[in-house]
Amino acid sequence: MTSSPQLSEAVVAAIKTGDLAQLQSLYESDMSLDEIARQAARKGQPTILEWCYTQGWKPKSPSFNDKFFSEVCSGASTDIFKVLLDHGWDLNAHQSETSGDALASAITGDNYDLAKWLLEHGHRPTPVDGIYGDGAVFTAIKHEPTSLRILKLLLQHGIDLKGTGAVMLAGNEGNLEALKLLLDYGVDTEDRTVQWYPFDGEEEDPYASEGTSLYRACRQGHLECVRLLLERGANAQAKDDGGTSCLAIAKQRGHQEIVKLLEEKGASE
């Protein structure tokens, strides 16, 4: 593929507005079709992207850290994805180091409609996260209430939550509705496995305070989450990795209603 300096303002304007006739009148053979395709993806102009294909352009596939894929995710246009799929694009063959795959990008962008469309068109239900910022599942739990729909969508499509610490995160954040949803789908109340630890803003050793959903809810003072977890059979005797029990942490932090509830369930330090 030939390369060229930055596209002229007139060409960029034609791409931005989807004016194919104007683009065709301005196009010269030494212009970068890669750049035109990237601009079309960024601006959500499927007609321009389709024209790029007619000129012999093809995206890299599979790809990792590809500029075009980044623009596709940034543009978040289902019409662009439709063009790509029509030309054999594999939704599961592309990801970037920063934002993960297309589904992860949609979720962290709180874009329910795009996430739904991707899942309905063959994207794997378990997103691959980027290495920076909150992961997709963490976003869906933390950013309530809009992301609750996304969490339900992922569960309906069979997301694998192993290693995400989803139920622990819901307890820590005090997101009662997300917690209910996860438990209704059979997530283990005692799951404490997490790929990365999101509590490192705490003054104490964050790794020592890692624990179950019930422990985290007790620690953070989320009474209704504690009540729900106990009703669903969570272990009231659970301890964090430093050996501190649910009852002990509730006492340390002055959460008296939680202390009373735990003691009623027979919890001890």
C-alpha atoms as a PDB file:
ATOM      1  CA  MET A   1       0.000   0.000   0.000  1.00  0.00           C
ATOM      2  CA  THR A   2       1.392   3.400  -0.973  1.00  0.00           C
ATOM      3  CA  SER A   3       1.809   6.024   1.713  1.00  0.00           C
ATOM      4  CA  SER A   4       1.577   9.781   1.550  1.00  0.00           C
ATOM      5  CA  PRO A   5       1.748  12.804   3.820  1.00  0.00           C
ATOM      6  CA  GLN A   6      -1.356  13.755   5.782  1.00  0.00           C
ATOM      7  CA  LEU A   7      -4.505  13.985   3.731  1.00  0.00           C
ATOM      8  CA  SER A   8      -5.544  17.459   2.676  1.00  0.00           C
ATOM      9  CA  GLU A   9      -8.217  19.301   4.590  1.00  0.00           C
ATOM     10  CA  ALA A  10     -10.563  18.955   1.622  1.00  0.00           C
ATOM     11  CA  VAL A  11     -10.138  15.173   1.536  1.00  0.00           C
ATOM     12  CA  VAL A  12     -10.631  14.899   5.293  1.00  0.00           C
ATOM     13  CA  ALA A  13     -13.763  17.051   5.042  1.00  0.00           C
ATOM     14  CA  ALA A  14     -15.149  14.807   2.296  1.00  0.00           C
ATOM     15  CA  ILE A  15     -14.533  11.716   4.430  1.00  0.00           C
ATOM     16  CA  LYS A  16     -16.043  13.329   7.519  1.00  0.00           C
ATOM     17  CA  THR A  17     -19.284  14.175   5.713  1.00  0.00           C
ATOM     18  CA  GLY A  18     -19.408  10.916   3.759  1.00  0.00           C
ATOM     19  CA  ASP A  19     -19.223  12.767   0.433  1.00  0.00           C
ATOM     20  CA  LEU A  20     -17.927   9.961  -1.779  1.00  0.00           C
ATOM     21  CA  ALA A  21     -18.291  11.934  -5.013  1.00  0.00           C
ATOM     22  CA  GLN A  22     -16.117  14.719  -3.608  1.00  0.00           C
ATOM     23  CA  LEU A  23     -13.554  12.234  -2.323  1.00  0.00           C
ATOM     24  CA  GLN A  24     -13.364  10.528  -5.700  1.00  0.00           C
ATOM     25  CA  SER A  25     -12.803  13.870  -7.424  1.00  0.00           C
ATOM     26  CA  LEU A  26      -9.951  14.693  -5.037  1.00  0.00           C
ATOM     27  CA  TYR A  27      -8.361  11.258  -4.822  1.00  0.00           C
ATOM     28  CA  GLU A  28      -4.928  10.719  -6.334  1.00  0.00           C
ATOM     29  CA  SER A  29      -3.091   7.427  -6.636  1.00  0.00           C
ATOM     30  CA  ASP A  30      -0.352   8.387  -4.174  1.00  0.00           C
ATOM     31  CA  MET A  31      -2.841   9.042  -1.368  1.00  0.00           C
ATOM     32  CA  SER A  32      -2.862   6.543   1.491  1.00  0.00           C
ATOM     33  CA  LEU A  33      -5.893   4.301   1.399  1.00  0.00           C
ATOM     34  CA  ASP A  34      -4.907   3.170   4.879  1.00  0.00           C
ATOM     35  CA  GLU A  35      -5.338   6.724   6.159  1.00  0.00           C
ATOM     36  CA  ILE A  36      -8.599   7.190   4.274  1.00  0.00           C
ATOM     37  CA  ALA A  37      -9.934   3.954   5.798  1.00  0.00           C
ATOM     38  CA  ARG A  38      -8.835   5.041   9.269  1.00  0.00           C
ATOM     39  CA  GLN A  39     -10.578   8.385   8.849  1.00  0.00           C
ATOM     40  CA  ALA A  40     -13.735   6.651   7.593  1.00  0.00           C
ATOM     41  CA  ALA A  41     -13.740   4.325  10.620  1.00  0.00           C
ATOM     42  CA  ARG A  42     -13.159   7.212  13.019  1.00  0.00           C
ATOM     43  CA  LYS A  43     -15.975   9.277  11.522  1.00  0.00           C
ATOM     44  CA  GLY A  44     -18.386   6.368  11.059  1.00  0.00           C
ATOM     45  CA  GLN A  45     -18.643   6.642   7.269  1.00  0.00           C
ATOM     46  CA  PRO A  46     -19.370   3.144   5.874  1.00  0.00           C
ATOM     47  CA  THR A  47     -19.751   4.320   2.255  1.00  0.00           C
ATOM     48  CA  ILE A  48     -16.207   5.666   2.264  1.00  0.00           C
ATOM     49  CA  LEU A  49     -14.876   2.473   3.843  1.00  0.00           C
ATOM     50  CA  GLU A  50     -16.674   0.366   1.250  1.00  0.00           C
ATOM     51  CA  TRP A  51     -15.074   2.470  -1.487  1.00  0.00           C
ATOM     52  CA  CYS A  52     -11.635   1.770   0.027  1.00  0.00           C
ATOM     53  CA  TYR A  53     -12.277  -1.931  -0.513  1.00  0.00           C
ATOM     54  CA  THR A  54     -13.137  -1.292  -4.163  1.00  0.00           C
ATOM     55  CA  GLN A  55      -9.738   0.373  -4.553  1.00  0.00           C
ATOM     56  CA  GLY A  56      -7.910  -2.741  -3.348  1.00  0.00           C
ATOM     57  CA  TRP A  57      -7.528  -1.812   0.306  1.00  0.00           C
ATOM     58  CA  LYS A  58      -7.677  -4.535   2.956  1.00  0.00           C
ATOM     59  CA  PRO A  59      -7.215  -4.301   6.733  1.00  0.00           C
ATOM     60  CA  LYS A  60      -4.693  -6.411   8.596  1.00  0.00           C
ATOM     61  CA  SER A  61      -6.188  -9.609   9.922  1.00  0.00           C
ATOM     62  CA  PRO A  62      -5.561 -10.777  12.536  1.00  0.00           C
ATOM     63  CA  SER A  63      -4.180  -7.665  14.183  1.00  0.00           C
ATOM     64  CA  PHE A  64      -2.690  -6.433  17.450  1.00  0.00           C
ATOM     65  CA  ASN A  65      -2.191  -2.742  18.207  1.00  0.00           C
ATOM     66  CA  ASP A  66      -3.276  -1.862  14.680  1.00  0.00           C
ATOM     67  CA  LYS A  67      -4.146   1.806  14.078  1.00  0.00           C
ATOM     68  CA  PHE A  68      -7.153   0.944  11.928  1.00  0.00           C
ATOM     69  CA  PHE A  69      -8.676  -1.288  14.616  1.00  0.00           C
ATOM     70  CA  SER A  70      -8.164   1.465  17.182  1.00  0.00           C
ATOM     71  CA  GLU A  71     -10.084   3.872  14.967  1.00  0.00           C
ATOM     72  CA  VAL A  72     -12.862   1.317  14.477  1.00  0.00           C
ATOM     73  CA  CYS A  73     -13.260   1.024  18.251  1.00  0.00           C
ATOM     74  CA  SER A  74     -13.023   4.779  18.711  1.00  0.00           C
ATOM     75  CA  GLY A  75     -15.699   5.404  16.089  1.00  0.00           C
ATOM     76  CA  ALA A  76     -17.952   2.752  17.678  1.00  0.00           C
ATOM     77  CA  SER A  77     -20.119   2.530  14.550  1.00  0.00           C
ATOM     78  CA  THR A  78     -22.113  -0.623  13.884  1.00  0.00           C
ATOM     79  CA  ASP A  79     -22.328   0.458  10.233  1.00  0.00           C
ATOM     80  CA  ILE A  80     -18.538   0.304   9.986  1.00  0.00           C
ATOM     81  CA  PHE A  81     -18.527  -3.125  11.603  1.00  0.00           C
ATOM     82  CA  LYS A  82     -21.188  -4.259   9.104  1.00  0.00           C
ATOM     83  CA  VAL A  83     -18.975  -3.312   6.173  1.00  0.00           C
ATOM     84  CA  LEU A  84     -16.048  -5.134   7.730  1.00  0.00           C
ATOM     85  CA  LEU A  85     -18.098  -8.280   8.367  1.00  0.00           C
ATOM     86  CA  ASP A  86     -19.356  -8.209   4.781  1.00  0.00           C
ATOM     87  CA  HIS A  87     -15.720  -8.461   3.728  1.00  0.00           C
ATOM     88  CA  GLY A  88     -14.843 -11.338   6.032  1.00  0.00           C
ATOM     89  CA  TRP A  89     -13.646  -9.477   9.117  1.00  0.00           C
ATOM     90  CA  ASP A  90     -13.314 -11.741  12.175  1.00  0.00           C
ATOM     91  CA  LEU A  91     -14.586  -9.904  15.254  1.00  0.00           C
ATOM     92  CA  ASN A  92     -12.454 -12.096  17.503  1.00  0.00           C
ATOM     93  CA  ALA A  93      -9.152 -11.636  15.677  1.00  0.00           C
ATOM     94  CA  HIS A  94      -8.349  -8.070  16.692  1.00  0.00           C
ATOM     95  CA  GLN A  95      -7.301  -6.368  19.899  1.00  0.00           C
ATOM     96  CA  SER A  96      -5.102  -3.615  21.216  1.00  0.00           C
ATOM     97  CA  GLU A  97      -2.847  -3.375  24.222  1.00  0.00           C
ATOM     98  CA  THR A  98      -4.632  -0.304  25.536  1.00  0.00           C
ATOM     99  CA  SER A  99      -8.325  -1.082  25.034  1.00  0.00           C
ATOM    100  CA  GLY A 100      -8.511  -4.839  24.514  1.00  0.00           C
ATOM    101  CA  ASP A 101     -10.918  -6.270  21.965  1.00  0.00           C
ATOM    102  CA  ALA A 102     -13.975  -4.619  20.431  1.00  0.00           C
ATOM    103  CA  LEU A 103     -16.345  -5.883  23.134  1.00  0.00           C
ATOM    104  CA  ALA A 104     -14.095  -4.649  25.947  1.00  0.00           C
ATOM    105  CA  SER A 105     -13.882  -1.271  24.238  1.00  0.00           C
ATOM    106  CA  ALA A 106     -17.678  -1.061  23.942  1.00  0.00           C
ATOM    107  CA  ILE A 107     -18.184  -1.989  27.593  1.00  0.00           C
ATOM    108  CA  THR A 108     -15.607   0.408  29.009  1.00  0.00           C
ATOM    109  CA  GLY A 109     -17.201   3.071  26.815  1.00  0.00           C
ATOM    110  CA  ASP A 110     -20.581   2.179  28.357  1.00  0.00           C
ATOM    111  CA  ASN A 111     -21.946   1.534  24.860  1.00  0.00           C
ATOM    112  CA  TYR A 112     -24.725  -0.984  25.412  1.00  0.00           C
ATOM    113  CA  ASP A 113     -26.029  -0.926  21.847  1.00  0.00           C
ATOM    114  CA  LEU A 114     -22.640  -1.685  20.338  1.00  0.00           C
ATOM    115  CA  ALA A 115     -21.916  -4.413  22.893  1.00  0.00           C
ATOM    116  CA  LYS A 116     -25.275  -6.019  22.107  1.00  0.00           C
ATOM    117  CA  TRP A 117     -24.652  -5.803  18.360  1.00  0.00           C
ATOM    118  CA  LEU A 118     -21.197  -7.356  18.660  1.00  0.00           C
ATOM    119  CA  LEU A 119     -22.488 -10.261  20.729  1.00  0.00           C
ATOM    120  CA  GLU A 120     -25.353 -10.853  18.313  1.00  0.00           C
ATOM    121  CA  HIS A 121     -22.890 -10.969  15.414  1.00  0.00           C
ATOM    122  CA  GLY A 122     -20.468 -13.502  16.781  1.00  0.00           C
ATOM    123  CA  HIS A 123     -18.155 -11.720  19.200  1.00  0.00           C
ATOM    124  CA  ARG A 124     -17.015 -13.996  22.026  1.00  0.00           C
ATOM    125  CA  PRO A 125     -18.963 -13.205  25.247  1.00  0.00           C
ATOM    126  CA  THR A 126     -15.860 -12.980  27.433  1.00  0.00           C
ATOM    127  CA  PRO A 127     -14.062  -9.721  26.614  1.00  0.00           C
ATOM    128  CA  VAL A 128     -10.281  -9.464  26.427  1.00  0.00           C
ATOM    129  CA  ASP A 129      -9.236  -6.409  28.444  1.00  0.00           C
ATOM    130  CA  GLY A 130      -6.479  -3.966  27.685  1.00  0.00           C
ATOM    131  CA  ILE A 131      -3.704  -3.560  30.226  1.00  0.00           C
ATOM    132  CA  TYR A 132      -4.620  -0.027  31.288  1.00  0.00           C
ATOM    133  CA  GLY A 133      -7.539   1.234  33.335  1.00  0.00           C
ATOM    134  CA  ASP A 134     -10.552  -0.651  34.648  1.00  0.00           C
ATOM    135  CA  GLY A 135     -11.414  -3.954  33.014  1.00  0.00           C
ATOM    136  CA  ALA A 136     -14.715  -4.524  31.230  1.00  0.00           C
ATOM    137  CA  VAL A 137     -16.372  -6.494  34.044  1.00  0.00           C
ATOM    138  CA  PHE A 138     -15.162  -4.027  36.671  1.00  0.00           C
ATOM    139  CA  THR A 139     -16.636  -1.195  34.586  1.00  0.00           C
ATOM    140  CA  ALA A 140     -19.960  -2.995  34.246  1.00  0.00           C
ATOM    141  CA  ILE A 141     -20.159  -3.406  38.022  1.00  0.00           C
ATOM    142  CA  LYS A 142     -18.726  -0.101  39.171  1.00  0.00           C
ATOM    143  CA  HIS A 143     -20.452   2.310  36.815  1.00  0.00           C
ATOM    144  CA  GLU A 144     -24.056   1.821  37.833  1.00  0.00           C
ATOM    145  CA  PRO A 145     -26.842   2.052  36.858  1.00  0.00           C
ATOM    146  CA  THR A 146     -26.351   2.189  33.078  1.00  0.00           C
ATOM    147  CA  SER A 147     -23.796  -0.607  32.985  1.00  0.00           C
ATOM    148  CA  LEU A 148     -26.095  -3.039  34.776  1.00  0.00           C
ATOM    149  CA  ARG A 149     -27.756  -3.721  31.427  1.00  0.00           C
ATOM    150  CA  ILE A 150     -24.364  -4.580  29.993  1.00  0.00           C
ATOM    151  CA  LEU A 151     -23.605  -6.967  32.843  1.00  0.00           C
ATOM    152  CA  LYS A 152     -26.941  -8.729  32.296  1.00  0.00           C
ATOM    153  CA  LEU A 153     -26.234  -8.878  28.568  1.00  0.00           C
ATOM    154  CA  LEU A 154     -22.860 -10.521  29.168  1.00  0.00           C
ATOM    155  CA  LEU A 155     -24.373 -13.051  31.551  1.00  0.00           C
ATOM    156  CA  GLN A 156     -27.124 -13.889  29.066  1.00  0.00           C
ATOM    157  CA  HIS A 157     -24.505 -14.609  26.406  1.00  0.00           C
ATOM    158  CA  GLY A 158     -22.460 -16.848  28.688  1.00  0.00           C
ATOM    159  CA  ILE A 159     -19.504 -14.747  29.816  1.00  0.00           C
ATOM    160  CA  ASP A 160     -16.833 -16.700  31.689  1.00  0.00           C
ATOM    161  CA  LEU A 161     -16.338 -14.810  34.949  1.00  0.00           C
ATOM    162  CA  LYS A 162     -13.471 -16.941  36.240  1.00  0.00           C
ATOM    163  CA  GLY A 163     -10.640 -14.740  37.445  1.00  0.00           C
ATOM    164  CA  THR A 164     -12.630 -11.509  37.205  1.00  0.00           C
ATOM    165  CA  GLY A 165     -13.539 -11.292  40.897  1.00  0.00           C
ATOM    166  CA  ALA A 166     -16.978 -10.081  39.784  1.00  0.00           C
ATOM    167  CA  VAL A 167     -18.931 -11.033  42.905  1.00  0.00           C
ATOM    168  CA  MET A 168     -16.160  -9.661  45.131  1.00  0.00           C
ATOM    169  CA  LEU A 169     -16.171  -6.388  43.195  1.00  0.00           C
ATOM    170  CA  ALA A 170     -19.952  -6.050  43.506  1.00  0.00           C
ATOM    171  CA  GLY A 171     -19.709  -6.509  47.276  1.00  0.00           C
ATOM    172  CA  ASN A 172     -16.855  -4.043  47.535  1.00  0.00           C
ATOM    173  CA  GLU A 173     -18.639  -1.404  45.469  1.00  0.00           C
ATOM    174  CA  GLY A 174     -21.945  -1.901  47.290  1.00  0.00           C
ATOM    175  CA  ASN A 175     -23.709  -2.505  43.984  1.00  0.00           C
ATOM    176  CA  LEU A 176     -26.665  -4.462  45.315  1.00  0.00           C
ATOM    177  CA  GLU A 177     -28.387  -4.892  41.960  1.00  0.00           C
ATOM    178  CA  ALA A 178     -25.257  -6.205  40.278  1.00  0.00           C
ATOM    179  CA  LEU A 179     -24.687  -8.543  43.204  1.00  0.00           C
ATOM    180  CA  LYS A 180     -28.246  -9.885  42.945  1.00  0.00           C
ATOM    181  CA  LEU A 181     -27.801 -10.413  39.237  1.00  0.00           C
ATOM    182  CA  LEU A 182     -24.539 -12.297  39.648  1.00  0.00           C
ATOM    183  CA  LEU A 183     -25.942 -14.520  42.386  1.00  0.00           C
ATOM    184  CA  ASP A 184     -29.075 -15.217  40.358  1.00  0.00           C
ATOM    185  CA  TYR A 185     -26.811 -16.492  37.587  1.00  0.00           C
ATOM    186  CA  GLY A 186     -25.104 -18.833  40.027  1.00  0.00           C
ATOM    187  CA  VAL A 187     -21.816 -17.073  40.670  1.00  0.00           C
ATOM    188  CA  ASP A 188     -20.084 -18.553  43.716  1.00  0.00           C
ATOM    189  CA  THR A 189     -20.424 -16.322  46.791  1.00  0.00           C
ATOM    190  CA  GLU A 190     -16.974 -17.457  47.957  1.00  0.00           C
ATOM    191  CA  ASP A 191     -15.148 -16.631  44.722  1.00  0.00           C
ATOM    192  CA  ARG A 192     -12.137 -14.467  45.541  1.00  0.00           C
ATOM    193  CA  THR A 193     -10.001 -15.047  42.472  1.00  0.00           C
ATOM    194  CA  VAL A 194      -9.172 -11.861  40.597  1.00  0.00           C
ATOM    195  CA  GLN A 195      -6.727 -11.194  37.762  1.00  0.00           C
ATOM    196  CA  TRP A 196      -5.734  -7.817  39.172  1.00  0.00           C
ATOM    197  CA  TYR A 197      -6.415  -6.202  42.511  1.00  0.00           C
ATOM    198  CA  PRO A 198      -8.560  -3.050  42.380  1.00  0.00           C
ATOM    199  CA  PHE A 199      -8.272  -2.018  46.021  1.00  0.00           C
ATOM    200  CA  ASP A 200      -4.721  -0.681  46.048  1.00  0.00           C
ATOM    201  CA  GLY A 201      -5.849   2.774  47.132  1.00  0.00           C
ATOM    202  CA  GLU A 202      -6.276   1.510  50.675  1.00  0.00           C
ATOM    203  CA  GLU A 203      -3.873   2.597  53.378  1.00  0.00           C
ATOM    204  CA  GLU A 204      -3.392  -0.942  54.639  1.00  0.00           C
ATOM    205  CA  ASP A 205      -1.602  -3.619  52.642  1.00  0.00           C
ATOM    206  CA  PRO A 206      -4.126  -4.077  49.799  1.00  0.00           C
ATOM    207  CA  TYR A 207      -3.199  -7.693  49.121  1.00  0.00           C
ATOM    208  CA  ALA A 208      -3.665  -8.642  52.769  1.00  0.00           C
ATOM    209  CA  SER A 209      -7.206  -7.235  52.675  1.00  0.00           C
ATOM    210  CA  GLU A 210      -8.264  -9.267  49.652  1.00  0.00           C
ATOM    211  CA  GLY A 211     -11.213 -11.483  50.537  1.00  0.00           C
ATOM    212  CA  THR A 212     -14.648 -12.758  49.592  1.00  0.00           C
ATOM    213  CA  SER A 213     -17.564 -10.597  48.551  1.00  0.00           C
ATOM    214  CA  LEU A 214     -18.958 -10.783  52.081  1.00  0.00           C
ATOM    215  CA  TYR A 215     -15.664  -9.713  53.611  1.00  0.00           C
ATOM    216  CA  ARG A 216     -15.362  -6.756  51.249  1.00  0.00           C
ATOM    217  CA  ALA A 217     -18.974  -5.692  51.884  1.00  0.00           C
ATOM    218  CA  CYS A 218     -18.361  -5.910  55.647  1.00  0.00           C
ATOM    219  CA  ARG A 219     -15.162  -3.907  55.287  1.00  0.00           C
ATOM    220  CA  GLN A 220     -16.802  -1.177  53.228  1.00  0.00           C
ATOM    221  CA  GLY A 221     -19.973  -1.005  55.313  1.00  0.00           C
ATOM    222  CA  HIS A 222     -22.488  -2.114  52.680  1.00  0.00           C
ATOM    223  CA  LEU A 223     -25.221  -3.452  54.958  1.00  0.00           C
ATOM    224  CA  GLU A 224     -27.718  -4.560  52.304  1.00  0.00           C
ATOM    225  CA  CYS A 225     -25.030  -6.418  50.370  1.00  0.00           C
ATOM    226  CA  VAL A 226     -24.001  -8.168  53.585  1.00  0.00           C
ATOM    227  CA  ARG A 227     -27.609  -9.104  54.260  1.00  0.00           C
ATOM    228  CA  LEU A 228     -28.103 -10.482  50.747  1.00  0.00           C
ATOM    229  CA  LEU A 229     -24.896 -12.497  50.795  1.00  0.00           C
ATOM    230  CA  LEU A 230     -25.744 -14.050  54.134  1.00  0.00           C
ATOM    231  CA  GLU A 231     -29.232 -14.901  52.853  1.00  0.00           C
ATOM    232  CA  ARG A 232     -27.629 -16.598  49.849  1.00  0.00           C
ATOM    233  CA  GLY A 233     -25.388 -18.722  52.053  1.00  0.00           C
ATOM    234  CA  ALA A 234     -22.112 -16.797  52.122  1.00  0.00           C
ATOM    235  CA  ASN A 235     -19.631 -17.988  54.727  1.00  0.00           C
ATOM    236  CA  ALA A 236     -19.857 -15.612  57.691  1.00  0.00           C
ATOM    237  CA  GLN A 237     -16.544 -16.977  58.984  1.00  0.00           C
ATOM    238  CA  ALA A 238     -14.590 -15.962  55.877  1.00  0.00           C
ATOM    239  CA  LYS A 239     -11.301 -14.126  56.374  1.00  0.00           C
ATOM    240  CA  ASP A 240      -9.139 -11.954  54.164  1.00  0.00           C
ATOM    241  CA  ASP A 241      -5.684 -13.043  53.052  1.00  0.00           C
ATOM    242  CA  GLY A 242      -4.189 -11.415  56.136  1.00  0.00           C
ATOM    243  CA  GLY A 243      -6.363 -13.495  58.479  1.00  0.00           C
ATOM    244  CA  THR A 244      -8.886 -10.799  59.442  1.00  0.00           C
ATOM    245  CA  SER A 245     -12.460 -12.069  59.729  1.00  0.00           C
ATOM    246  CA  CYS A 246     -15.639 -10.424  58.483  1.00  0.00           C
ATOM    247  CA  LEU A 247     -16.696  -9.722  62.069  1.00  0.00           C
ATOM    248  CA  ALA A 248     -13.317  -8.300  63.041  1.00  0.00           C
ATOM    249  CA  ILE A 249     -13.140  -5.885  60.114  1.00  0.00           C
ATOM    250  CA  ALA A 250     -16.732  -4.720  60.690  1.00  0.00           C
ATOM    251  CA  LYS A 251     -15.857  -3.981  64.327  1.00  0.00           C
ATOM    252  CA  GLN A 252     -12.609  -2.230  63.396  1.00  0.00           C
ATOM    253  CA  ARG A 253     -14.456   0.043  61.009  1.00  0.00           C
ATOM    254  CA  GLY A 254     -17.400   0.751  63.290  1.00  0.00           C
ATOM    255  CA  HIS A 255     -20.107  -0.861  61.170  1.00  0.00           C
ATOM    256  CA  GLN A 256     -22.307  -1.761  64.127  1.00  0.00           C
ATOM    257  CA  GLU A 257     -25.374  -2.923  62.185  1.00  0.00           C
ATOM    258  CA  ILE A 258     -23.190  -5.308  60.219  1.00  0.00           C
ATOM    259  CA  VAL A 259     -21.563  -6.534  63.431  1.00  0.00           C
ATOM    260  CA  LYS A 260     -25.015  -7.290  64.856  1.00  0.00           C
ATOM    261  CA  LEU A 261     -26.084  -9.092  61.700  1.00  0.00           C
ATOM    262  CA  LEU A 262     -22.933 -11.231  61.634  1.00  0.00           C
ATOM    263  CA  GLU A 263     -23.252 -12.133  65.295  1.00  0.00           C
ATOM    264  CA  GLU A 264     -26.840 -13.204  64.690  1.00  0.00           C
ATOM    265  CA  LYS A 265     -25.447 -15.590  62.092  1.00  0.00           C
ATOM    266  CA  GLY A 266     -22.978 -17.001  64.588  1.00  0.00           C
ATOM    267  CA  ALA A 267     -19.883 -15.296  63.194  1.00  0.00           C
ATOM    268  CA  SER A 268     -16.802 -15.026  65.383  1.00  0.00           C
ATOM    269  CA  GLU A 269     -13.446 -13.322  65.146  1.00  0.00           C
END
